[in-house]
Amino acid sequence: MSIFGNKKASTVESFSSVLLRTAGMRATNEYEIVPKNGEAEVTLYNVTFEKGGEARVPRLRAVCRESEIIDLLNACRVVSWDGFEGKHPRGVLDGVMFRFKATVNGNVAVTAHGSQNFPRHYREFTDALYNILTRRGGQEPPAAGVKTVEILGSNRRPEFSQVRVACRAFIEREGKLLVSHEVNTDIMLTPGGGLENGESLEECCRREVAEETGFEVEVGAEAARVIEYYGDHKFDTHYFICTVTGSGEPNLTELESEHGLVSLWVDKNDLARIWSEYGCYPEEKRGAYLREYKALEEYFRVTGDAIC
């Protein structure tokens, strides 16, 4: 049932389901929104393909107000997407395909699909869903005063098909910051890693620090947020100021052990110098050090210190 030209259906008043699938060369993701008693459950799935069918693995899940989703559908004029067929642009060898389906206002279906060609406000819609999924507890907005730094890789694409959320810790003692040092690759980073399903950002930060360093920490204020776009990937990293409350033994992954991961206390000004020279390193190290340096600049700003 098309809603083109139907003024009565030009505004979403209710919805029973929203499904958006994006597929790139490296990953297929699916956003699903389901209303539940005045709230809406938003889930981001990774879709894997196996013999006999496909499987959906939940990566992120959050709950928000149902009215928030209705407002988003209207702000992005989603009903006007109905019937959209975005043909793949000439000369573009790869890209992101999408398929959208929603049921609104009782039994009105809205469908759209395309390949590297999207309806108006599509990017605003996907960015808003991602923000709902990554804010603390799925319900609270980011802490006031936290600066978000964006890094745009030269190989970034107009749309991203894979998202990784991570948390890292600034832990200071006597002017030194705790880092995880990969001896065999000579890479030094703040301790941290990827968000696991069902975790809050604070829980992720606490677990990652304990696994990499053995330290138990109290997670304090968020100091910075760095969002990187490379290829069809979006990397969203939250940096927290943490305090050591106890210690134990690290629980390293096999890869971390192979890389010779150890914990070091390094003068924060020495770190600033090392990370600020990101342009002198190979690509993978360059990107990581650029991210760390931008976050460290915010840490100095938040703590009222100055890079010497």
C-alpha atoms as a PDB file:
ATOM      1  CA  MET A   1       0.000   0.000   0.000  1.00  0.00           C
ATOM      2  CA  SER A   2       1.679   3.186  -1.169  1.00  0.00           C
ATOM      3  CA  ILE A   3       1.274   6.409   0.742  1.00  0.00           C
ATOM      4  CA  PHE A   4       2.414   8.790  -2.003  1.00  0.00           C
ATOM      5  CA  GLY A   5      -0.043  11.634  -2.273  1.00  0.00           C
ATOM      6  CA  ASN A   6      -2.014  10.480   0.747  1.00  0.00           C
ATOM      7  CA  LYS A   7      -2.091  13.554   2.958  1.00  0.00           C
ATOM      8  CA  LYS A   8      -3.778  11.667   5.795  1.00  0.00           C
ATOM      9  CA  ALA A   9      -0.774   9.333   5.966  1.00  0.00           C
ATOM     10  CA  SER A  10       1.915  11.968   5.495  1.00  0.00           C
ATOM     11  CA  THR A  11       2.607  11.964   9.254  1.00  0.00           C
ATOM     12  CA  VAL A  12       3.522   8.903  11.300  1.00  0.00           C
ATOM     13  CA  GLU A  13       1.297   8.620  14.372  1.00  0.00           C
ATOM     14  CA  SER A  14       2.240   5.055  15.301  1.00  0.00           C
ATOM     15  CA  PHE A  15       4.366   2.167  14.067  1.00  0.00           C
ATOM     16  CA  SER A  16       4.434  -1.579  14.612  1.00  0.00           C
ATOM     17  CA  SER A  17       7.815  -2.362  13.068  1.00  0.00           C
ATOM     18  CA  VAL A  18      10.811  -0.735  11.406  1.00  0.00           C
ATOM     19  CA  LEU A  19      13.546  -2.722   9.676  1.00  0.00           C
ATOM     20  CA  LEU A  20      16.604  -1.350   7.872  1.00  0.00           C
ATOM     21  CA  ARG A  21      19.231  -3.636   6.357  1.00  0.00           C
ATOM     22  CA  THR A  22      22.552  -2.345   5.009  1.00  0.00           C
ATOM     23  CA  ALA A  23      25.013  -4.522   3.112  1.00  0.00           C
ATOM     24  CA  GLY A  24      28.568  -3.666   2.126  1.00  0.00           C
ATOM     25  CA  MET A  25      31.494  -5.694   0.886  1.00  0.00           C
ATOM     26  CA  ARG A  26      32.628  -6.564   4.427  1.00  0.00           C
ATOM     27  CA  ALA A  27      29.473  -6.702   6.522  1.00  0.00           C
ATOM     28  CA  THR A  28      25.710  -6.838   6.547  1.00  0.00           C
ATOM     29  CA  ASN A  29      23.910  -5.095   9.406  1.00  0.00           C
ATOM     30  CA  GLU A  30      20.268  -4.794  10.329  1.00  0.00           C
ATOM     31  CA  TYR A  31      18.483  -2.231  12.504  1.00  0.00           C
ATOM     32  CA  GLU A  32      15.198  -3.402  14.009  1.00  0.00           C
ATOM     33  CA  ILE A  33      12.820  -1.197  16.013  1.00  0.00           C
ATOM     34  CA  VAL A  34       9.888  -2.711  17.894  1.00  0.00           C
ATOM     35  CA  PRO A  35       7.413  -0.756  20.093  1.00  0.00           C
ATOM     36  CA  LYS A  36       6.727  -2.112  23.584  1.00  0.00           C
ATOM     37  CA  ASN A  37       4.286  -0.464  26.007  1.00  0.00           C
ATOM     38  CA  GLY A  38       5.163   3.132  25.244  1.00  0.00           C
ATOM     39  CA  GLU A  39       8.844   2.371  24.686  1.00  0.00           C
ATOM     40  CA  ALA A  40      10.799   1.230  21.646  1.00  0.00           C
ATOM     41  CA  GLU A  41      13.502  -1.419  21.563  1.00  0.00           C
ATOM     42  CA  VAL A  42      16.231  -0.630  19.046  1.00  0.00           C
ATOM     43  CA  THR A  43      18.620  -3.449  18.089  1.00  0.00           C
ATOM     44  CA  LEU A  44      21.589  -3.524  15.737  1.00  0.00           C
ATOM     45  CA  TYR A  45      22.359  -6.995  14.366  1.00  0.00           C
ATOM     46  CA  ASN A  46      25.294  -8.380  12.419  1.00  0.00           C
ATOM     47  CA  VAL A  47      23.933 -10.687   9.726  1.00  0.00           C
ATOM     48  CA  THR A  48      25.982 -13.761   8.856  1.00  0.00           C
ATOM     49  CA  PHE A  49      25.312 -16.159   6.000  1.00  0.00           C
ATOM     50  CA  GLU A  50      25.716 -19.880   6.380  1.00  0.00           C
ATOM     51  CA  LYS A  51      24.600 -23.007   4.587  1.00  0.00           C
ATOM     52  CA  GLY A  52      20.849 -23.248   4.820  1.00  0.00           C
ATOM     53  CA  GLY A  53      20.205 -19.605   5.623  1.00  0.00           C
ATOM     54  CA  GLU A  54      21.350 -16.572   7.569  1.00  0.00           C
ATOM     55  CA  ALA A  55      21.802 -15.737  11.230  1.00  0.00           C
ATOM     56  CA  ARG A  56      21.377 -12.439  13.083  1.00  0.00           C
ATOM     57  CA  VAL A  57      23.762 -11.746  15.953  1.00  0.00           C
ATOM     58  CA  PRO A  58      22.774  -8.803  18.199  1.00  0.00           C
ATOM     59  CA  ARG A  59      25.597  -6.282  18.674  1.00  0.00           C
ATOM     60  CA  LEU A  60      23.906  -3.328  20.338  1.00  0.00           C
ATOM     61  CA  ARG A  61      20.519  -2.904  21.965  1.00  0.00           C
ATOM     62  CA  ALA A  62      18.868   0.076  23.624  1.00  0.00           C
ATOM     63  CA  VAL A  63      15.454   1.199  24.810  1.00  0.00           C
ATOM     64  CA  CYS A  64      14.052   4.674  24.229  1.00  0.00           C
ATOM     65  CA  ARG A  65      10.657   6.331  24.256  1.00  0.00           C
ATOM     66  CA  GLU A  66       8.301   5.238  21.472  1.00  0.00           C
ATOM     67  CA  SER A  67       7.566   8.914  20.823  1.00  0.00           C
ATOM     68  CA  GLU A  68      11.269   9.487  20.121  1.00  0.00           C
ATOM     69  CA  ILE A  69      11.138   7.029  17.219  1.00  0.00           C
ATOM     70  CA  ILE A  70       7.908   8.556  15.907  1.00  0.00           C
ATOM     71  CA  ASP A  71       9.514  11.992  16.025  1.00  0.00           C
ATOM     72  CA  LEU A  72      12.544  10.619  14.180  1.00  0.00           C
ATOM     73  CA  LEU A  73      10.418   8.997  11.469  1.00  0.00           C
ATOM     74  CA  ASN A  74       8.647  12.291  10.908  1.00  0.00           C
ATOM     75  CA  ALA A  75      11.764  14.464  11.097  1.00  0.00           C
ATOM     76  CA  CYS A  76      13.392  12.333   8.388  1.00  0.00           C
ATOM     77  CA  ARG A  77      10.163  12.262   6.343  1.00  0.00           C
ATOM     78  CA  VAL A  78      10.371   8.493   6.144  1.00  0.00           C
ATOM     79  CA  VAL A  79       6.890   8.147   4.640  1.00  0.00           C
ATOM     80  CA  SER A  80       8.166   9.949   1.532  1.00  0.00           C
ATOM     81  CA  TRP A  81      10.665   7.123   1.020  1.00  0.00           C
ATOM     82  CA  ASP A  82       7.892   4.732  -0.036  1.00  0.00           C
ATOM     83  CA  GLY A  83       8.601   3.389  -3.501  1.00  0.00           C
ATOM     84  CA  PHE A  84      12.158   4.756  -3.604  1.00  0.00           C
ATOM     85  CA  GLU A  85      14.475   2.727  -5.845  1.00  0.00           C
ATOM     86  CA  GLY A  86      18.023   4.049  -5.719  1.00  0.00           C
ATOM     87  CA  LYS A  87      19.898   2.783  -8.743  1.00  0.00           C
ATOM     88  CA  HIS A  88      23.624   2.189  -8.358  1.00  0.00           C
ATOM     89  CA  PRO A  89      25.633   5.143  -9.715  1.00  0.00           C
ATOM     90  CA  ARG A  90      27.635   4.585 -12.867  1.00  0.00           C
ATOM     91  CA  GLY A  91      31.356   4.240 -12.389  1.00  0.00           C
ATOM     92  CA  VAL A  92      31.074   3.160  -8.731  1.00  0.00           C
ATOM     93  CA  LEU A  93      32.488  -0.345  -8.346  1.00  0.00           C
ATOM     94  CA  ASP A  94      31.292  -1.030  -4.819  1.00  0.00           C
ATOM     95  CA  GLY A  95      29.164   0.629  -2.165  1.00  0.00           C
ATOM     96  CA  VAL A  96      26.384   0.044   0.341  1.00  0.00           C
ATOM     97  CA  MET A  97      23.017  -1.474  -0.503  1.00  0.00           C
ATOM     98  CA  PHE A  98      20.027  -0.841   1.735  1.00  0.00           C
ATOM     99  CA  ARG A  99      16.518  -2.176   2.135  1.00  0.00           C
ATOM    100  CA  PHE A 100      13.957  -0.415   4.338  1.00  0.00           C
ATOM    101  CA  LYS A 101      10.545  -1.635   5.469  1.00  0.00           C
ATOM    102  CA  ALA A 102       8.213  -0.128   8.048  1.00  0.00           C
ATOM    103  CA  THR A 103       4.596  -0.570   9.040  1.00  0.00           C
ATOM    104  CA  VAL A 104       3.033   2.649  10.312  1.00  0.00           C
ATOM    105  CA  ASN A 105      -0.382   4.006  11.258  1.00  0.00           C
ATOM    106  CA  GLY A 106      -1.939   0.571  11.629  1.00  0.00           C
ATOM    107  CA  ASN A 107      -1.281  -1.296   8.401  1.00  0.00           C
ATOM    108  CA  VAL A 108       0.423   1.186   6.065  1.00  0.00           C
ATOM    109  CA  ALA A 109       3.621  -0.255   4.568  1.00  0.00           C
ATOM    110  CA  VAL A 110       6.589   1.933   3.650  1.00  0.00           C
ATOM    111  CA  THR A 111       9.298   0.267   1.550  1.00  0.00           C
ATOM    112  CA  ALA A 112      12.456   1.524  -0.129  1.00  0.00           C
ATOM    113  CA  HIS A 113      15.708   0.107  -1.418  1.00  0.00           C
ATOM    114  CA  GLY A 114      18.815   1.221  -3.227  1.00  0.00           C
ATOM    115  CA  SER A 115      22.508   0.744  -3.859  1.00  0.00           C
ATOM    116  CA  GLN A 116      24.839   3.625  -2.985  1.00  0.00           C
ATOM    117  CA  ASN A 117      21.873   5.905  -3.743  1.00  0.00           C
ATOM    118  CA  PHE A 118      19.726   6.954  -0.805  1.00  0.00           C
ATOM    119  CA  PRO A 119      16.520   8.924  -0.097  1.00  0.00           C
ATOM    120  CA  ARG A 120      16.641  12.340   1.542  1.00  0.00           C
ATOM    121  CA  HIS A 121      17.493  12.329   5.263  1.00  0.00           C
ATOM    122  CA  TYR A 122      18.695   8.716   5.120  1.00  0.00           C
ATOM    123  CA  ARG A 123      22.026   9.588   6.735  1.00  0.00           C
ATOM    124  CA  GLU A 124      20.313  11.615   9.476  1.00  0.00           C
ATOM    125  CA  PHE A 125      18.075   8.608  10.170  1.00  0.00           C
ATOM    126  CA  THR A 126      20.937   6.093  10.494  1.00  0.00           C
ATOM    127  CA  ASP A 127      23.049   8.506  12.558  1.00  0.00           C
ATOM    128  CA  ALA A 128      20.143   9.060  14.967  1.00  0.00           C
ATOM    129  CA  LEU A 129      19.611   5.307  15.411  1.00  0.00           C
ATOM    130  CA  TYR A 130      23.305   4.832  16.073  1.00  0.00           C
ATOM    131  CA  ASN A 131      23.289   7.611  18.669  1.00  0.00           C
ATOM    132  CA  ILE A 132      20.337   5.983  20.436  1.00  0.00           C
ATOM    133  CA  LEU A 133      22.236   2.690  20.528  1.00  0.00           C
ATOM    134  CA  THR A 134      25.493   4.088  21.890  1.00  0.00           C
ATOM    135  CA  ARG A 135      24.449   6.600  24.497  1.00  0.00           C
ATOM    136  CA  ARG A 136      24.665   5.390  28.100  1.00  0.00           C
ATOM    137  CA  GLY A 137      22.086   2.828  29.048  1.00  0.00           C
ATOM    138  CA  GLY A 138      20.203   3.531  25.836  1.00  0.00           C
ATOM    139  CA  GLN A 139      18.304   6.316  27.540  1.00  0.00           C
ATOM    140  CA  GLU A 140      20.609   9.113  28.701  1.00  0.00           C
ATOM    141  CA  PRO A 141      22.342  11.552  26.326  1.00  0.00           C
ATOM    142  CA  PRO A 142      26.135  11.985  26.415  1.00  0.00           C
ATOM    143  CA  ALA A 143      27.512  13.849  29.420  1.00  0.00           C
ATOM    144  CA  ALA A 144      27.421  17.621  29.114  1.00  0.00           C
ATOM    145  CA  GLY A 145      30.703  19.177  28.098  1.00  0.00           C
ATOM    146  CA  VAL A 146      32.151  16.055  26.474  1.00  0.00           C
ATOM    147  CA  LYS A 147      33.693  17.049  23.165  1.00  0.00           C
ATOM    148  CA  THR A 148      33.296  14.748  20.171  1.00  0.00           C
ATOM    149  CA  VAL A 149      36.213  14.724  17.746  1.00  0.00           C
ATOM    150  CA  GLU A 150      35.642  13.377  14.224  1.00  0.00           C
ATOM    151  CA  ILE A 151      38.437  11.904  12.106  1.00  0.00           C
ATOM    152  CA  LEU A 152      37.620  11.502   8.414  1.00  0.00           C
ATOM    153  CA  GLY A 153      39.865   9.017   6.638  1.00  0.00           C
ATOM    154  CA  SER A 154      40.794   9.746   3.033  1.00  0.00           C
ATOM    155  CA  ASN A 155      39.261   6.388   2.034  1.00  0.00           C
ATOM    156  CA  ARG A 156      35.927   6.958   3.804  1.00  0.00           C
ATOM    157  CA  ARG A 157      32.723   6.198   1.917  1.00  0.00           C
ATOM    158  CA  PRO A 158      29.467   8.184   1.950  1.00  0.00           C
ATOM    159  CA  GLU A 159      27.760   5.492   4.055  1.00  0.00           C
ATOM    160  CA  PHE A 160      29.179   3.084   6.644  1.00  0.00           C
ATOM    161  CA  SER A 161      28.043  -0.540   6.931  1.00  0.00           C
ATOM    162  CA  GLN A 162      30.016  -1.610   9.999  1.00  0.00           C
ATOM    163  CA  VAL A 163      30.132   0.009  13.436  1.00  0.00           C
ATOM    164  CA  ARG A 164      32.507  -0.628  16.326  1.00  0.00           C
ATOM    165  CA  VAL A 165      32.017   0.958  19.743  1.00  0.00           C
ATOM    166  CA  ALA A 166      34.923   0.915  22.185  1.00  0.00           C
ATOM    167  CA  CYS A 167      35.909   2.357  25.563  1.00  0.00           C
ATOM    168  CA  ARG A 168      39.342   3.410  26.795  1.00  0.00           C
ATOM    169  CA  ALA A 169      40.715   4.685  30.090  1.00  0.00           C
ATOM    170  CA  PHE A 170      42.908   7.563  31.189  1.00  0.00           C
ATOM    171  CA  ILE A 171      44.502   6.393  34.444  1.00  0.00           C
ATOM    172  CA  GLU A 172      47.024   8.834  35.916  1.00  0.00           C
ATOM    173  CA  ARG A 173      49.549   8.397  38.740  1.00  0.00           C
ATOM    174  CA  GLU A 174      52.155  11.025  39.631  1.00  0.00           C
ATOM    175  CA  GLY A 175      52.082  12.608  36.191  1.00  0.00           C
ATOM    176  CA  LYS A 176      52.203   9.303  34.364  1.00  0.00           C
ATOM    177  CA  LEU A 177      49.464   7.569  32.385  1.00  0.00           C
ATOM    178  CA  LEU A 178      48.903   3.830  32.255  1.00  0.00           C
ATOM    179  CA  VAL A 179      49.277   2.380  28.761  1.00  0.00           C
ATOM    180  CA  SER A 180      49.058  -1.031  27.185  1.00  0.00           C
ATOM    181  CA  HIS A 181      52.321  -1.568  25.298  1.00  0.00           C
ATOM    182  CA  GLU A 182      52.556  -4.187  22.563  1.00  0.00           C
ATOM    183  CA  VAL A 183      56.271  -4.948  22.802  1.00  0.00           C
ATOM    184  CA  ASN A 184      56.443  -6.905  19.524  1.00  0.00           C
ATOM    185  CA  THR A 185      54.748  -4.160  17.478  1.00  0.00           C
ATOM    186  CA  ASP A 186      55.943  -1.229  19.619  1.00  0.00           C
ATOM    187  CA  ILE A 187      52.451   0.275  19.865  1.00  0.00           C
ATOM    188  CA  MET A 188      51.372   2.081  23.046  1.00  0.00           C
ATOM    189  CA  LEU A 189      47.675   2.765  23.591  1.00  0.00           C
ATOM    190  CA  THR A 190      45.394   3.612  26.479  1.00  0.00           C
ATOM    191  CA  PRO A 191      43.923   0.368  27.868  1.00  0.00           C
ATOM    192  CA  GLY A 192      40.527  -0.493  26.440  1.00  0.00           C
ATOM    193  CA  GLY A 193      38.591  -2.356  23.785  1.00  0.00           C
ATOM    194  CA  GLY A 194      35.288  -3.139  22.139  1.00  0.00           C
ATOM    195  CA  LEU A 195      31.812  -3.001  23.678  1.00  0.00           C
ATOM    196  CA  GLU A 196      30.203  -6.417  24.178  1.00  0.00           C
ATOM    197  CA  ASN A 197      26.511  -7.127  23.814  1.00  0.00           C
ATOM    198  CA  GLY A 198      24.466  -5.890  26.763  1.00  0.00           C
ATOM    199  CA  GLU A 199      27.261  -3.856  28.356  1.00  0.00           C
ATOM    200  CA  SER A 200      27.076  -0.207  29.307  1.00  0.00           C
ATOM    201  CA  LEU A 201      30.020   1.968  28.315  1.00  0.00           C
ATOM    202  CA  GLU A 202      31.237   2.062  31.922  1.00  0.00           C
ATOM    203  CA  GLU A 203      31.043  -1.723  32.253  1.00  0.00           C
ATOM    204  CA  CYS A 204      33.011  -2.136  29.034  1.00  0.00           C
ATOM    205  CA  CYS A 205      35.719   0.251  30.241  1.00  0.00           C
ATOM    206  CA  ARG A 206      36.021  -1.484  33.612  1.00  0.00           C
ATOM    207  CA  ARG A 207      36.221  -4.966  32.066  1.00  0.00           C
ATOM    208  CA  GLU A 208      38.746  -4.028  29.381  1.00  0.00           C
ATOM    209  CA  VAL A 209      41.100  -2.361  31.859  1.00  0.00           C
ATOM    210  CA  ALA A 210      40.963  -5.394  34.152  1.00  0.00           C
ATOM    211  CA  GLU A 211      41.608  -7.821  31.282  1.00  0.00           C
ATOM    212  CA  GLU A 212      44.552  -5.896  29.831  1.00  0.00           C
ATOM    213  CA  THR A 213      46.244  -4.602  32.986  1.00  0.00           C
ATOM    214  CA  GLY A 214      44.852  -6.515  35.975  1.00  0.00           C
ATOM    215  CA  PHE A 215      43.793  -3.257  37.625  1.00  0.00           C
ATOM    216  CA  GLU A 216      40.315  -2.791  39.030  1.00  0.00           C
ATOM    217  CA  VAL A 217      39.102   0.752  38.425  1.00  0.00           C
ATOM    218  CA  GLU A 218      36.333   3.143  39.275  1.00  0.00           C
ATOM    219  CA  VAL A 219      35.055   4.693  36.055  1.00  0.00           C
ATOM    220  CA  GLY A 220      34.627   8.434  36.361  1.00  0.00           C
ATOM    221  CA  ALA A 221      33.751  11.231  33.971  1.00  0.00           C
ATOM    222  CA  GLU A 222      33.948  10.847  30.220  1.00  0.00           C
ATOM    223  CA  ALA A 223      36.840  12.960  28.946  1.00  0.00           C
ATOM    224  CA  ALA A 224      36.455  12.616  25.189  1.00  0.00           C
ATOM    225  CA  ARG A 225      34.712  10.830  22.367  1.00  0.00           C
ATOM    226  CA  VAL A 226      36.499  10.177  19.066  1.00  0.00           C
ATOM    227  CA  ILE A 227      34.585   9.019  15.984  1.00  0.00           C
ATOM    228  CA  GLU A 228      36.607   7.773  13.020  1.00  0.00           C
ATOM    229  CA  TYR A 229      35.416   7.026   9.499  1.00  0.00           C
ATOM    230  CA  TYR A 230      37.601   4.711   7.413  1.00  0.00           C
ATOM    231  CA  GLY A 231      36.261   2.920   4.338  1.00  0.00           C
ATOM    232  CA  ASP A 232      32.771   1.708   5.215  1.00  0.00           C
ATOM    233  CA  HIS A 233      33.615   1.502   8.955  1.00  0.00           C
ATOM    234  CA  LYS A 234      32.624   3.835  11.759  1.00  0.00           C
ATOM    235  CA  PHE A 235      34.722   3.578  14.930  1.00  0.00           C
ATOM    236  CA  ASP A 236      33.246   5.243  18.016  1.00  0.00           C
ATOM    237  CA  THR A 237      35.611   5.388  21.014  1.00  0.00           C
ATOM    238  CA  HIS A 238      34.716   6.781  24.452  1.00  0.00           C
ATOM    239  CA  TYR A 239      37.522   7.811  26.821  1.00  0.00           C
ATOM    240  CA  PHE A 240      36.895   7.815  30.588  1.00  0.00           C
ATOM    241  CA  ILE A 241      38.935   9.138  33.493  1.00  0.00           C
ATOM    242  CA  CYS A 242      39.451   6.205  35.853  1.00  0.00           C
ATOM    243  CA  THR A 243      40.897   5.607  39.317  1.00  0.00           C
ATOM    244  CA  VAL A 244      42.620   2.396  40.438  1.00  0.00           C
ATOM    245  CA  THR A 245      40.783   0.662  43.295  1.00  0.00           C
ATOM    246  CA  GLY A 246      42.451  -2.754  43.292  1.00  0.00           C
ATOM    247  CA  SER A 247      44.689  -5.104  41.352  1.00  0.00           C
ATOM    248  CA  GLY A 248      44.775  -8.648  40.074  1.00  0.00           C
ATOM    249  CA  GLU A 249      46.147 -10.591  37.127  1.00  0.00           C
ATOM    250  CA  PRO A 250      45.619  -9.616  33.485  1.00  0.00           C
ATOM    251  CA  ASN A 251      43.517 -11.920  31.313  1.00  0.00           C
ATOM    252  CA  LEU A 252      45.026 -11.458  27.861  1.00  0.00           C
ATOM    253  CA  THR A 253      43.672 -12.805  24.605  1.00  0.00           C
ATOM    254  CA  GLU A 254      45.866 -15.101  22.526  1.00  0.00           C
ATOM    255  CA  LEU A 255      46.574 -12.268  20.085  1.00  0.00           C
ATOM    256  CA  GLU A 256      47.513  -9.863  22.881  1.00  0.00           C
ATOM    257  CA  SER A 257      49.932 -12.443  24.271  1.00  0.00           C
ATOM    258  CA  GLU A 258      51.463 -12.935  20.825  1.00  0.00           C
ATOM    259  CA  HIS A 259      51.979  -9.167  20.575  1.00  0.00           C
ATOM    260  CA  GLY A 260      53.689  -9.140  23.980  1.00  0.00           C
ATOM    261  CA  LEU A 261      51.162  -6.853  25.691  1.00  0.00           C
ATOM    262  CA  VAL A 262      52.412  -5.363  28.975  1.00  0.00           C
ATOM    263  CA  SER A 263      51.318  -2.437  31.132  1.00  0.00           C
ATOM    264  CA  LEU A 264      53.546   0.616  31.525  1.00  0.00           C
ATOM    265  CA  TRP A 265      53.369   3.946  33.317  1.00  0.00           C
ATOM    266  CA  VAL A 266      54.570   6.640  30.898  1.00  0.00           C
ATOM    267  CA  ASP A 267      55.001  10.363  31.497  1.00  0.00           C
ATOM    268  CA  LYS A 268      51.939  12.003  29.951  1.00  0.00           C
ATOM    269  CA  ASN A 269      54.014  14.660  28.198  1.00  0.00           C
ATOM    270  CA  ASP A 270      56.189  11.968  26.654  1.00  0.00           C
ATOM    271  CA  LEU A 271      53.016  10.272  25.450  1.00  0.00           C
ATOM    272  CA  ALA A 272      51.787  13.534  23.973  1.00  0.00           C
ATOM    273  CA  ARG A 273      55.065  13.845  22.055  1.00  0.00           C
ATOM    274  CA  ILE A 274      54.943  10.240  20.812  1.00  0.00           C
ATOM    275  CA  TRP A 275      51.302  10.341  19.747  1.00  0.00           C
ATOM    276  CA  SER A 276      51.591  13.815  18.204  1.00  0.00           C
ATOM    277  CA  GLU A 277      54.085  12.382  15.695  1.00  0.00           C
ATOM    278  CA  TYR A 278      51.383  10.089  14.270  1.00  0.00           C
ATOM    279  CA  GLY A 279      52.200  11.211  10.720  1.00  0.00           C
ATOM    280  CA  CYS A 280      55.618   9.543  10.913  1.00  0.00           C
ATOM    281  CA  TYR A 281      54.254   6.024  11.404  1.00  0.00           C
ATOM    282  CA  PRO A 282      52.827   3.312   9.105  1.00  0.00           C
ATOM    283  CA  GLU A 283      49.098   3.513   8.332  1.00  0.00           C
ATOM    284  CA  GLU A 284      47.627   1.346  11.136  1.00  0.00           C
ATOM    285  CA  LYS A 285      49.836   2.892  13.809  1.00  0.00           C
ATOM    286  CA  ARG A 286      49.285   6.380  12.365  1.00  0.00           C
ATOM    287  CA  GLY A 287      45.496   6.100  12.704  1.00  0.00           C
ATOM    288  CA  ALA A 288      45.651   4.738  16.250  1.00  0.00           C
ATOM    289  CA  TYR A 289      48.094   7.419  17.398  1.00  0.00           C
ATOM    290  CA  LEU A 290      46.040  10.188  15.764  1.00  0.00           C
ATOM    291  CA  ARG A 291      42.994   9.012  17.718  1.00  0.00           C
ATOM    292  CA  GLU A 292      44.950   8.736  20.971  1.00  0.00           C
ATOM    293  CA  TYR A 293      46.495  12.182  20.551  1.00  0.00           C
ATOM    294  CA  LYS A 294      43.147  13.868  19.899  1.00  0.00           C
ATOM    295  CA  ALA A 295      41.699  12.173  22.988  1.00  0.00           C
ATOM    296  CA  LEU A 296      44.750  13.124  25.060  1.00  0.00           C
ATOM    297  CA  GLU A 297      44.352  16.777  24.062  1.00  0.00           C
ATOM    298  CA  GLU A 298      40.824  16.644  25.491  1.00  0.00           C
ATOM    299  CA  TYR A 299      42.056  14.913  28.639  1.00  0.00           C
ATOM    300  CA  PHE A 300      44.534  17.750  29.232  1.00  0.00           C
ATOM    301  CA  ARG A 301      41.775  20.280  28.618  1.00  0.00           C
ATOM    302  CA  VAL A 302      39.289  18.583  30.965  1.00  0.00           C
ATOM    303  CA  THR A 303      41.854  18.173  33.757  1.00  0.00           C
ATOM    304  CA  GLY A 304      43.068  21.760  33.409  1.00  0.00           C
ATOM    305  CA  ASP A 305      46.587  20.731  32.499  1.00  0.00           C
ATOM    306  CA  ALA A 306      48.763  21.817  29.574  1.00  0.00           C
ATOM    307  CA  ILE A 307      50.874  19.756  27.188  1.00  0.00           C
ATOM    308  CA  CYS A 308      54.536  20.632  27.779  1.00  0.00           C
END
